[in-house]
Protein backbone atom coordinates (compact mmCIF):
# COMPACT_ATOMS: atom_id res chain seq x y z
CA MET A 1 -1.29 -12.27 -25.17
CA THR A 2 0.61 -11.92 -21.83
CA ARG A 3 -0.46 -13.71 -18.62
CA MET A 4 1.49 -12.53 -15.67
CA SER A 5 3.08 -14.51 -12.86
CA LYS A 6 3.02 -13.32 -9.28
CA ASP A 7 6.32 -11.76 -9.52
CA GLU A 8 5.44 -10.02 -12.99
CA TYR A 9 2.34 -8.80 -11.27
CA ALA A 10 4.40 -7.58 -8.28
CA ALA A 11 6.95 -5.86 -10.81
CA SER A 12 3.98 -4.37 -12.81
CA LEU A 13 2.80 -2.72 -9.62
CA ASN A 14 6.29 -1.25 -8.66
CA ARG A 15 6.47 0.32 -11.90
CA MET A 16 3.44 2.56 -11.15
CA ASN A 17 3.79 5.98 -9.93
CA ARG A 18 0.65 6.15 -7.65
CA ARG A 19 0.09 8.46 -4.79
CA VAL A 20 -0.96 6.34 -1.85
CA PHE A 21 -1.35 7.42 1.87
CA VAL A 22 -1.23 4.35 4.61
CA MET A 23 -1.51 5.42 8.06
CA GLY A 24 -0.98 9.14 7.17
CA GLU A 25 2.21 8.53 5.18
CA LEU A 26 2.99 8.70 1.57
CA VAL A 27 4.11 5.15 0.47
CA ARG A 28 5.92 4.65 -3.00
CA ASN A 29 5.36 0.74 -3.13
CA PRO A 30 2.07 -0.02 -1.40
CA ALA A 31 2.65 -3.77 -1.92
CA GLU A 32 5.67 -3.88 0.14
CA HIS A 33 3.98 -2.15 3.32
CA PRO A 34 3.45 -4.81 5.93
CA LEU A 35 -0.23 -3.36 6.31
CA ILE A 36 -0.71 -3.96 2.42
CA ARG A 37 1.50 -7.07 1.66
CA PRO A 38 -1.33 -9.53 2.95
CA SER A 39 -4.00 -8.19 0.66
CA PHE A 40 -1.20 -7.92 -2.19
CA ASN A 41 -0.76 -12.03 -1.79
CA ALA A 42 -4.38 -12.45 -1.70
CA CYS A 43 -4.86 -10.82 -5.16
CA ALA A 44 -1.57 -12.47 -6.53
CA MET A 45 -3.21 -15.76 -5.77
CA THR A 46 -5.50 -14.96 -8.89
CA TYR A 47 -2.43 -15.11 -10.88
CA GLU A 48 -0.74 -18.19 -9.30
CA LEU A 49 -3.81 -20.41 -9.46
CA ALA A 50 -4.09 -19.53 -13.30
CA GLU A 51 -0.68 -21.05 -13.80
CA GLN A 52 -1.66 -24.21 -12.20
CA ARG A 53 -2.92 -26.88 -14.60
CA GLU A 54 -5.45 -28.49 -12.02
CA HIS A 55 -7.04 -25.02 -11.89
CA ALA A 56 -6.86 -24.15 -15.48
CA ASP A 57 -10.41 -24.87 -16.13
CA LEU A 58 -11.70 -22.45 -13.49
CA MET A 59 -9.22 -19.63 -13.45
CA LEU A 60 -8.91 -19.35 -17.20
CA ALA A 61 -11.46 -18.74 -20.15
CA THR A 62 -11.31 -18.41 -24.02
CA SER A 63 -12.04 -14.68 -24.62
CA ASN A 64 -14.72 -13.82 -27.08
CA LEU A 65 -12.82 -10.60 -28.08
CA THR A 66 -9.30 -12.49 -29.14
CA GLY A 67 -9.92 -16.26 -29.26
CA GLU A 68 -7.11 -16.26 -26.71
CA LYS A 69 -6.85 -17.80 -23.09
CA VAL A 70 -7.21 -15.17 -20.66
CA ASN A 71 -7.49 -15.14 -16.46
CA ARG A 72 -11.45 -15.50 -16.11
CA PHE A 73 -11.26 -12.21 -14.00
CA THR A 74 -10.97 -10.24 -17.17
CA HIS A 75 -13.28 -12.47 -19.14
CA LEU A 76 -16.87 -11.56 -20.53
CA HIS A 77 -19.51 -14.50 -19.65
CA GLN A 78 -20.49 -16.29 -22.73
CA SER A 79 -22.96 -19.01 -21.10
CA THR A 80 -24.40 -20.13 -18.08
CA SER A 81 -21.34 -22.45 -17.68
CA ASP A 82 -19.00 -19.25 -17.53
CA LEU A 83 -21.34 -17.84 -14.66
CA VAL A 84 -21.34 -21.13 -12.99
CA ALA A 85 -17.37 -21.20 -13.18
CA LYS A 86 -17.04 -17.89 -11.91
CA VAL A 87 -18.80 -18.85 -8.73
CA LYS A 88 -16.87 -22.13 -8.26
CA MET A 89 -13.73 -20.03 -8.87
CA GLN A 90 -14.36 -17.66 -6.25
CA ARG A 91 -15.18 -20.21 -3.60
CA LEU A 92 -11.74 -21.98 -4.49
CA LEU A 93 -10.09 -18.45 -4.00
CA GLY A 94 -11.92 -17.99 -0.71
CA GLN A 95 -10.64 -21.20 0.38
CA MET A 96 -7.03 -20.65 -0.46
CA THR A 97 -6.87 -17.29 1.09
CA GLY A 98 -9.44 -17.10 3.74
CA CYS A 99 -10.04 -13.26 2.77
CA CYS A 100 -11.35 -11.37 -0.27
CA PHE A 101 -9.27 -11.59 -3.29
CA GLN A 102 -10.25 -8.38 -4.65
CA ARG A 103 -10.85 -8.88 -8.59
CA CYS A 104 -14.53 -9.56 -8.51
CA VAL A 105 -15.25 -5.95 -8.78
CA GLY A 106 -13.59 -5.36 -12.00
CA MET A 107 -14.97 -8.64 -13.41
CA ASP A 108 -18.49 -7.58 -12.52
CA ALA A 109 -17.89 -4.14 -13.94
CA PHE A 110 -16.79 -5.29 -17.09
CA ASN A 111 -19.75 -7.55 -17.81
CA ALA A 112 -22.21 -4.71 -16.75
CA VAL A 113 -20.51 -2.12 -18.80
CA ASP A 114 -20.33 -4.41 -21.87
CA SER A 115 -24.14 -5.06 -22.09
CA VAL A 116 -25.32 -1.53 -20.93
CA THR A 117 -23.17 0.02 -23.38
CA TYR A 118 -24.32 -2.08 -26.29
CA GLU A 119 -28.06 -1.24 -25.46
CA MET A 120 -26.96 2.37 -25.27
CA ASP A 121 -25.42 2.60 -28.68
CA ARG A 122 -28.28 0.64 -30.19
CA VAL A 123 -30.79 3.56 -29.16
CA LEU A 124 -28.69 6.49 -29.21
CA GLY A 125 -26.25 5.77 -31.99
CA THR A 126 -23.31 6.33 -29.55
CA GLU A 127 -19.88 4.39 -29.89
CA TYR A 128 -19.37 3.47 -26.18
CA HIS A 129 -19.47 -0.34 -26.79
CA ALA A 130 -16.83 -0.51 -29.24
CA ARG A 131 -14.64 1.90 -27.09
CA PHE A 132 -15.24 -0.40 -24.17
CA ARG A 133 -14.49 -3.50 -25.87
CA ARG A 134 -11.12 -2.15 -27.16
CA TYR A 135 -10.36 -1.14 -23.42
CA LEU A 136 -11.21 -4.82 -22.20
CA GLN A 137 -8.78 -6.02 -24.85
CA HIS A 138 -6.11 -4.02 -23.50
CA VAL A 139 -6.84 -5.32 -19.99
CA GLN A 140 -6.77 -9.00 -21.27
CA GLU A 141 -3.90 -8.59 -23.50
CA ARG A 142 -1.83 -7.27 -20.28
CA ASP A 143 -3.60 -9.42 -17.82
CA LEU A 144 -4.34 -6.32 -15.64
CA VAL A 145 -6.25 -6.23 -12.30
CA VAL A 146 -9.17 -3.09 -12.65
CA ASP A 147 -10.90 -1.67 -9.59
CA GLY A 148 -14.58 -1.42 -10.31
CA ALA A 149 -15.39 1.90 -8.56
CA MET A 150 -19.17 2.65 -7.91
CA THR A 151 -19.72 3.99 -4.33
CA ASP A 152 -19.66 7.58 -4.15
CA ALA A 153 -19.33 9.58 -1.10
CA LYS A 154 -23.02 10.57 -1.16
CA GLY A 155 -22.93 13.46 1.21
CA ASN A 156 -26.51 14.39 2.31
CA ARG A 157 -28.43 11.37 1.40
CA ARG A 158 -31.82 13.46 1.29
CA LEU A 159 -30.47 15.23 -1.67
CA ARG A 160 -29.74 14.39 -5.52
CA PRO A 161 -26.24 14.78 -6.52
CA SER A 162 -26.63 18.11 -8.22
CA LYS A 163 -28.44 19.47 -5.32
CA GLN A 164 -25.46 18.71 -2.56
CA ALA A 165 -23.94 21.74 -0.99
CA ASP A 166 -20.67 20.20 -2.36
CA PRO A 167 -21.07 19.01 -5.75
CA ASP A 168 -18.04 16.90 -5.52
CA MET A 169 -19.97 14.33 -2.98
CA PHE A 170 -20.76 12.26 -6.53
CA VAL A 171 -18.14 12.09 -9.14
CA HIS A 172 -19.15 14.27 -11.96
CA ILE A 173 -17.71 15.71 -15.29
CA ILE A 174 -16.51 19.50 -14.62
CA GLU A 175 -15.32 19.82 -18.18
CA ARG A 176 -15.91 18.40 -21.67
CA ARG A 177 -13.08 19.13 -24.18
CA SER A 178 -12.41 18.17 -27.69
CA ASP A 179 -9.99 15.32 -26.60
CA GLY A 180 -11.92 14.06 -23.38
CA ILE A 181 -13.56 14.93 -20.26
CA VAL A 182 -12.30 16.28 -16.73
CA VAL A 183 -13.63 14.54 -13.46
CA ARG A 184 -13.77 14.98 -9.97
CA GLY A 185 -15.09 13.37 -6.94
CA ALA A 186 -14.47 10.34 -4.71
CA LYS A 187 -15.25 6.72 -4.74
CA LEU A 188 -15.22 4.93 -1.20
CA HIS A 189 -15.05 1.39 0.16
CA GLN A 190 -12.86 0.45 -2.74
CA THR A 191 -11.59 -2.96 -2.00
CA GLY A 192 -8.06 -3.80 -3.44
CA ALA A 193 -7.71 -0.43 -5.06
CA LEU A 194 -3.97 -0.28 -4.19
CA ASN A 195 -3.30 -3.75 -5.98
CA SER A 196 -5.01 -2.29 -8.96
CA HIS A 197 -3.54 -1.37 -12.37
CA GLU A 198 -6.61 0.64 -13.63
CA ILE A 199 -9.93 2.15 -12.12
CA LEU A 200 -13.07 1.46 -13.98
CA VAL A 201 -15.66 4.26 -12.72
CA MET A 202 -19.48 3.91 -12.84
CA PRO A 203 -22.23 6.00 -11.56
CA THR A 204 -23.69 5.10 -7.82
CA GLN A 205 -27.24 5.42 -8.47
CA ALA A 206 -30.04 6.09 -11.16
CA LEU A 207 -30.22 9.71 -12.11
CA THR A 208 -32.80 12.22 -13.20
CA GLU A 209 -32.64 15.40 -15.12
CA GLY A 210 -30.45 17.99 -13.53
CA ASP A 211 -27.79 15.23 -12.74
CA ARG A 212 -26.59 14.64 -16.27
CA ASP A 213 -22.91 15.43 -15.42
CA TYR A 214 -23.11 12.66 -12.64
CA ALA A 215 -24.09 10.06 -15.44
CA VAL A 216 -20.54 9.30 -16.21
CA SER A 217 -18.48 5.73 -16.56
CA PHE A 218 -14.88 5.69 -17.58
CA ALA A 219 -11.42 4.01 -17.10
CA ILE A 220 -8.11 5.51 -16.02
CA PRO A 221 -4.74 4.07 -14.85
CA ALA A 222 -4.54 3.90 -11.09
CA ASP A 223 -1.67 6.44 -11.34
CA ALA A 224 -3.31 8.98 -13.48
CA PRO A 225 -2.40 12.47 -12.48
CA GLY A 226 -4.98 13.68 -10.04
CA VAL A 227 -5.77 10.39 -8.46
CA THR A 228 -5.02 9.88 -4.68
CA MET A 229 -5.40 6.92 -2.53
CA ILE A 230 -5.97 6.76 1.19
CA CYS A 231 -5.98 3.34 2.64
CA GLY A 232 -8.69 2.53 5.44
CA ARG A 233 -8.25 0.99 8.88
CA GLN A 234 -9.22 -2.42 9.80
CA PRO A 235 -9.46 -3.95 13.36
CA SER A 236 -6.27 -5.14 14.76
CA ASP A 237 -4.59 -4.15 11.80
CA THR A 238 -1.39 -3.14 13.27
CA ARG A 239 -0.78 -6.79 14.51
CA LYS A 240 0.74 -7.12 10.97
CA GLN A 241 3.47 -4.85 11.79
CA GLU A 242 4.53 -6.43 15.17
CA GLY A 243 6.89 -8.94 13.44
CA GLY A 244 5.21 -12.21 14.70
CA SER A 245 2.84 -14.65 13.23
CA LEU A 246 0.79 -16.20 15.80
CA ASP A 247 -1.36 -13.02 16.71
CA ILE A 248 -2.09 -12.00 12.97
CA GLY A 249 -4.47 -15.17 12.63
CA ASN A 250 -4.20 -15.29 8.87
CA ARG A 251 -0.32 -15.31 8.38
CA GLN A 252 -0.15 -14.69 4.74
CA PHE A 253 -3.45 -13.29 3.41
CA GLY A 254 -5.67 -10.25 4.04
CA GLY A 255 -7.59 -7.46 2.46
CA HIS A 256 -7.66 -3.67 2.38
CA GLU A 257 -10.27 -0.84 1.53
CA ALA A 258 -9.30 2.57 0.33
CA VAL A 259 -10.79 5.96 -0.53
CA ILE A 260 -10.09 6.79 -4.03
CA ILE A 261 -10.06 10.84 -4.76
CA LEU A 262 -10.19 12.28 -8.17
CA GLU A 263 -9.11 15.79 -8.38
CA ASN A 264 -9.33 17.05 -12.00
CA VAL A 265 -8.65 13.99 -13.85
CA PHE A 266 -8.58 14.15 -17.49
CA VAL A 267 -10.17 10.97 -19.40
CA PRO A 268 -9.63 10.84 -23.24
CA TRP A 269 -13.01 9.98 -25.21
CA GLU A 270 -11.52 6.66 -25.83
CA ARG A 271 -11.75 5.40 -22.32
CA VAL A 272 -15.31 7.28 -21.81
CA PHE A 273 -18.44 4.66 -21.79
CA MET A 274 -20.97 7.17 -20.46
CA ALA A 275 -21.15 10.89 -20.59
CA GLY A 276 -24.38 12.26 -19.47
CA GLU A 277 -26.81 9.36 -20.85
CA LEU A 278 -29.09 9.67 -17.69
CA ALA A 279 -31.56 6.99 -18.74
CA TYR A 280 -28.66 4.27 -18.46
CA SER A 281 -27.19 5.12 -14.90
CA GLY A 282 -29.69 3.08 -13.19
CA LEU A 283 -29.54 0.38 -15.36
CA LEU A 284 -25.65 -0.06 -15.18
CA VAL A 285 -25.89 0.14 -11.41
CA GLU A 286 -28.41 -2.67 -11.36
CA ARG A 287 -26.49 -4.77 -13.61
CA PHE A 288 -23.15 -4.40 -11.89
CA ALA A 289 -25.10 -5.07 -8.49
CA GLY A 290 -26.77 -8.36 -9.77
CA TYR A 291 -23.15 -9.55 -10.88
CA HIS A 292 -21.59 -8.48 -7.54
CA ARG A 293 -24.44 -9.97 -5.56
CA GLN A 294 -24.00 -13.11 -7.53
CA SER A 295 -20.22 -12.89 -6.46
CA TYR A 296 -20.69 -13.17 -2.53
CA GLY A 297 -22.50 -16.66 -3.37
CA GLY A 298 -18.68 -17.78 -4.28
CA CYS A 299 -16.10 -15.82 -2.30
CA LYS A 300 -17.95 -15.82 1.02
CA VAL A 301 -18.62 -19.51 0.83
CA GLY A 302 -14.82 -20.32 0.38
CA VAL A 303 -14.01 -18.06 3.41
CA GLY A 304 -17.08 -19.75 5.29
CA ASP A 305 -14.95 -23.44 4.55
CA VAL A 306 -12.15 -21.92 6.23
CA LEU A 307 -13.75 -20.92 9.21
CA ILE A 308 -15.87 -24.25 9.51
CA GLY A 309 -12.36 -26.05 9.19
CA ALA A 310 -10.70 -23.77 12.02
CA VAL A 311 -13.85 -24.54 14.44
CA GLN A 312 -13.85 -28.13 13.66
CA SER A 313 -10.07 -28.45 14.25
CA LEU A 314 -10.60 -26.17 17.71
CA ALA A 315 -13.01 -28.92 18.80
CA GLU A 316 -10.64 -31.44 18.39
CA PHE A 317 -8.00 -29.62 20.19
CA GLN A 318 -10.28 -28.76 22.89
CA GLY A 319 -11.61 -32.45 23.06
CA THR A 320 -15.36 -31.34 22.41
CA GLU A 321 -15.62 -32.80 18.77
CA THR A 322 -17.88 -35.49 19.91
CA ALA A 323 -20.27 -33.55 22.02
CA SER A 324 -23.88 -33.69 20.50
CA HIS A 325 -24.36 -29.88 20.59
CA ILE A 326 -21.04 -28.92 19.13
CA ARG A 327 -21.71 -31.52 16.16
CA ASP A 328 -24.97 -29.77 15.57
CA LYS A 329 -23.81 -26.22 15.50
CA ILE A 330 -21.11 -27.42 13.05
CA VAL A 331 -23.85 -29.05 10.77
CA GLU A 332 -25.90 -25.73 11.15
CA MET A 333 -22.74 -23.87 9.90
CA VAL A 334 -22.28 -26.25 6.92
CA HIS A 335 -26.16 -25.92 6.04
CA LEU A 336 -25.80 -21.88 6.37
CA ASN A 337 -22.68 -22.01 3.93
CA GLU A 338 -24.05 -24.44 1.36
CA THR A 339 -27.25 -22.60 1.22
CA LEU A 340 -25.09 -19.34 0.17
CA TYR A 341 -23.44 -21.35 -2.40
CA ALA A 342 -26.83 -23.12 -3.86
CA CYS A 343 -28.20 -19.55 -4.44
CA GLY A 344 -24.92 -18.29 -6.25
CA LEU A 345 -25.37 -21.31 -8.59
CA ALA A 346 -28.86 -21.18 -9.07
CA CYS A 347 -28.71 -17.47 -10.05
CA SER A 348 -25.79 -18.42 -12.42
CA ALA A 349 -27.71 -21.64 -13.92
CA GLU A 350 -30.69 -19.46 -14.51
CA GLY A 351 -28.75 -16.64 -16.43
CA LYS A 352 -29.62 -15.25 -20.02
CA ALA A 353 -27.74 -13.64 -22.68
CA THR A 354 -28.26 -9.79 -23.19
CA ALA A 355 -28.11 -8.08 -26.34
CA SER A 356 -24.39 -7.99 -26.57
CA GLY A 357 -24.15 -11.76 -26.07
CA THR A 358 -22.66 -11.28 -22.67
CA TYR A 359 -24.39 -13.64 -20.32
CA LEU A 360 -26.41 -11.94 -17.03
CA ILE A 361 -27.38 -13.94 -13.90
CA ASP A 362 -30.96 -13.85 -12.80
CA PRO A 363 -31.34 -10.79 -11.09
CA LEU A 364 -34.15 -11.95 -8.64
CA LEU A 365 -32.10 -15.17 -7.60
CA ALA A 366 -29.06 -12.91 -7.40
CA ASN A 367 -30.80 -10.65 -4.90
CA VAL A 368 -31.82 -13.50 -2.95
CA CYS A 369 -28.24 -14.95 -2.93
CA LYS A 370 -27.13 -11.46 -1.48
CA LEU A 371 -29.71 -11.12 0.93
CA ASN A 372 -28.90 -14.36 2.57
CA VAL A 373 -25.21 -13.21 2.70
CA THR A 374 -26.25 -10.34 4.74
CA ARG A 375 -27.46 -12.73 7.50
CA PHE A 376 -25.73 -16.27 7.14
CA PRO A 377 -22.09 -15.21 7.84
CA PHE A 378 -22.97 -13.49 10.83
CA GLU A 379 -24.60 -16.76 12.31
CA ILE A 380 -21.91 -18.84 11.31
CA ALA A 381 -19.66 -16.49 13.10
CA ARG A 382 -21.60 -16.43 16.02
CA LEU A 383 -21.88 -20.29 16.05
CA ALA A 384 -17.55 -20.24 15.50
CA GLN A 385 -17.42 -17.98 18.64
CA ASP A 386 -19.64 -20.13 20.46
CA ILE A 387 -17.65 -23.24 19.87
CA ALA A 388 -14.27 -21.44 20.24
CA GLY A 389 -14.75 -20.18 23.84
CA GLY A 390 -13.70 -17.45 25.80
CA LEU A 391 -10.19 -17.88 25.05
CA LEU A 392 -10.80 -16.21 21.61
CA VAL A 393 -10.68 -12.95 23.53
CA THR A 394 -8.57 -13.68 26.47
CA LEU A 395 -5.70 -15.52 24.76
CA PRO A 396 -2.25 -13.82 25.98
CA SER A 397 0.01 -12.29 23.28
CA GLU A 398 2.72 -14.06 21.22
CA LYS A 399 5.27 -12.09 23.05
CA ASP A 400 3.91 -13.76 26.41
CA PHE A 401 4.46 -17.32 24.80
CA ALA A 402 8.15 -16.10 23.73
CA ASN A 403 8.83 -15.03 27.18
CA PRO A 404 11.03 -17.76 29.18
CA ASP A 405 9.26 -16.89 32.24
CA THR A 406 5.56 -17.14 31.10
CA GLY A 407 5.69 -19.03 28.01
CA PRO A 408 6.24 -22.52 29.64
CA LEU A 409 3.15 -21.61 32.11
CA LEU A 410 1.02 -20.72 29.18
CA ALA A 411 1.92 -23.93 27.27
CA LYS A 412 0.98 -26.00 30.36
CA TYR A 413 -2.08 -24.24 31.37
CA LEU A 414 -3.65 -23.55 27.89
CA ARG A 415 -3.17 -27.09 26.61
CA GLY A 416 -6.21 -28.94 25.50
CA ALA A 417 -6.51 -32.55 24.24
CA ALA A 418 -3.01 -34.42 24.87
CA GLU A 419 -2.28 -35.22 21.21
CA TYR A 420 -2.43 -31.36 19.97
CA SER A 421 0.11 -28.73 21.24
CA THR A 422 -0.84 -25.58 22.84
CA LEU A 423 0.57 -23.63 19.91
CA ASP A 424 -1.81 -25.55 17.47
CA ARG A 425 -4.61 -24.65 19.75
CA CYS A 426 -3.70 -20.95 19.79
CA ARG A 427 -3.16 -20.61 16.21
CA MET A 428 -6.37 -21.68 15.08
CA LEU A 429 -7.88 -19.41 17.89
CA ARG A 430 -6.18 -16.41 16.24
CA LEU A 431 -7.73 -17.77 12.71
CA VAL A 432 -11.09 -17.60 14.15
CA GLU A 433 -10.59 -14.31 15.86
CA ASN A 434 -9.20 -12.87 12.54
CA LEU A 435 -12.28 -14.12 10.65
CA THR A 436 -14.91 -13.16 13.19
CA LEU A 437 -13.34 -10.04 15.06
CA GLY A 438 -10.26 -8.89 13.34
CA PRO A 439 -9.06 -7.78 9.89
CA GLY A 440 -10.96 -10.81 8.09
CA ALA A 441 -14.23 -9.67 9.72
CA ALA A 442 -13.99 -6.34 7.47
CA ALA A 443 -14.49 -8.60 4.58
CA TYR A 444 -16.28 -11.81 6.01
CA LEU A 445 -19.03 -9.92 8.09
CA THR A 446 -19.31 -6.15 7.43
CA GLU A 447 -18.47 -6.57 3.72
CA SER A 448 -21.27 -9.18 3.68
CA LEU A 449 -23.76 -6.95 5.06
CA HIS A 450 -22.84 -3.58 2.96
CA GLY A 451 -20.95 -4.89 -0.24
CA ALA A 452 -22.84 -4.57 -3.42
CA GLY A 453 -25.62 -2.75 -1.50
CA SER A 454 -27.02 -3.17 1.82
CA PRO A 455 -29.99 -5.30 2.90
CA GLN A 456 -32.63 -2.88 1.78
CA ALA A 457 -31.12 -2.44 -1.77
CA GLN A 458 -31.83 -6.22 -2.23
CA ARG A 459 -35.28 -6.11 -0.53
CA ILE A 460 -36.38 -3.35 -2.93
CA MET A 461 -35.15 -5.38 -5.94
CA LEU A 462 -37.01 -8.32 -4.64
CA GLY A 463 -40.10 -6.36 -4.35
CA ARG A 464 -39.60 -5.00 -7.87
CA LEU A 465 -38.96 -8.50 -9.30
CA ALA A 466 -41.18 -10.84 -7.37
CA ASP A 467 -44.05 -10.61 -10.00
CA LEU A 468 -46.74 -10.51 -7.41
CA GLU A 469 -49.47 -10.45 -9.87
CA ALA A 470 -48.45 -13.50 -11.56
CA LYS A 471 -48.41 -15.31 -8.07
CA LYS A 472 -51.97 -13.74 -7.60
CA SER A 473 -53.22 -15.47 -10.57
CA LEU A 474 -51.87 -18.83 -9.66
CA ALA A 475 -53.72 -18.55 -6.23
CA ARG A 476 -57.06 -17.12 -7.73
CA ARG A 477 -57.22 -19.90 -10.22
CA LEU A 478 -56.45 -22.79 -7.71
CA ALA A 479 -59.48 -21.03 -5.51
CA GLY A 480 -61.69 -20.96 -8.14
CA MET A 481 -61.90 -17.19 -8.65
CA ASP A 482 -61.30 -17.35 -12.48
CA GLU A 483 -64.75 -19.11 -12.63
CA GLY A 484 -66.86 -16.08 -11.76
CA PRO A 485 -68.70 -15.44 -8.59
CA ALA A 486 -70.14 -18.30 -6.52
CA THR A 487 -73.87 -18.68 -6.48
CA ALA A 488 -75.41 -18.50 -2.99
């Protein structure tokens, strides 16, 4: 059993032969590229903290497959305590990095695929579950990062996958062979893909007859022949290439998203976990979405902690920390942030074992958690910008501070409270800018809205899971309606 250090993780990525494009250029070692390095640092923190004794209880778990200690990101949840520990681990990592640390999608995919393949095998007599657990043991033994890939290009949203003008708008099987399958298509919005060793593909929606080739789940190395990754843009991302540190905001950490294109990729049967079982595509989507909606009650809360700390610091730097309206706004930020955390813990504590033994979150509460995440970080960010003031978007560049003609003038006129330096104030402003307007906002805000499904997806699930008939029965009983009609 191998657990990698940060340096070993970097070396393992550099040994891969991936086809990656960043800003239109083919990049041999993405982790060394200035636009990708901050996201590598964030993912590497999942390895660094696992080596630290004070964080071992959160970062490590005992594998039910081998009995060995493994990184929790490769673990199958075996109890509600595991589900709770997951959320606490995610908050810790959000606090340490102030951004997305990218391994949640793989962990959530593992747990979803495990329980669904077990139930599929039990009904259909297939052997997907044993295959998957052998694959997961391979991941655990090598301490790999796996990208859980669900979101397809989708094309014309009015049309089912098999009715698209271009059949590749959804990942699908184009050939079945004696030794495996060949697939084609693309997965979008793939957080941390460039820092992953493997890709675990799942269908993106429930499917019906005629879409059988699209009901497919499998795992491939990230450098498998036919795989191309294209890195997406983020707001103000080229500041990372300017050579300074002040204007970046988050000096060490960041995130990235990529488009993964699969061009006639061969997958051996041993790595295929669904191949046409239509009835289980929707269940796999729901299980993964439930786990991932739970995840947002940890990671976004940790980033929220950073933003609240930045705003409290700014208030002190500016001399406004004692104003009652400032204190009230910061209390509201704390209230919203802790509400998200409470939802993450609640859906974990109410989890139950699936037939495979892997624990599943309470799906109703997980959807409540994520629906709150589509709103609360935006309000926290609005309050942060309110407290930060206009200088958040008018602050001159780092080069102006370095210029001998303008630097001393800026240091004088942008000073706040005398006990703090102008540089301290500017660094904190840039951090708030990063989290609410810049690259950090890609994960903290837009990802909060659309990641793990946009708000309407959670509303649909809440309507399905709310059991309104049971609630009607409660009301009818208390109103006396179960006693028959009242007499005149």
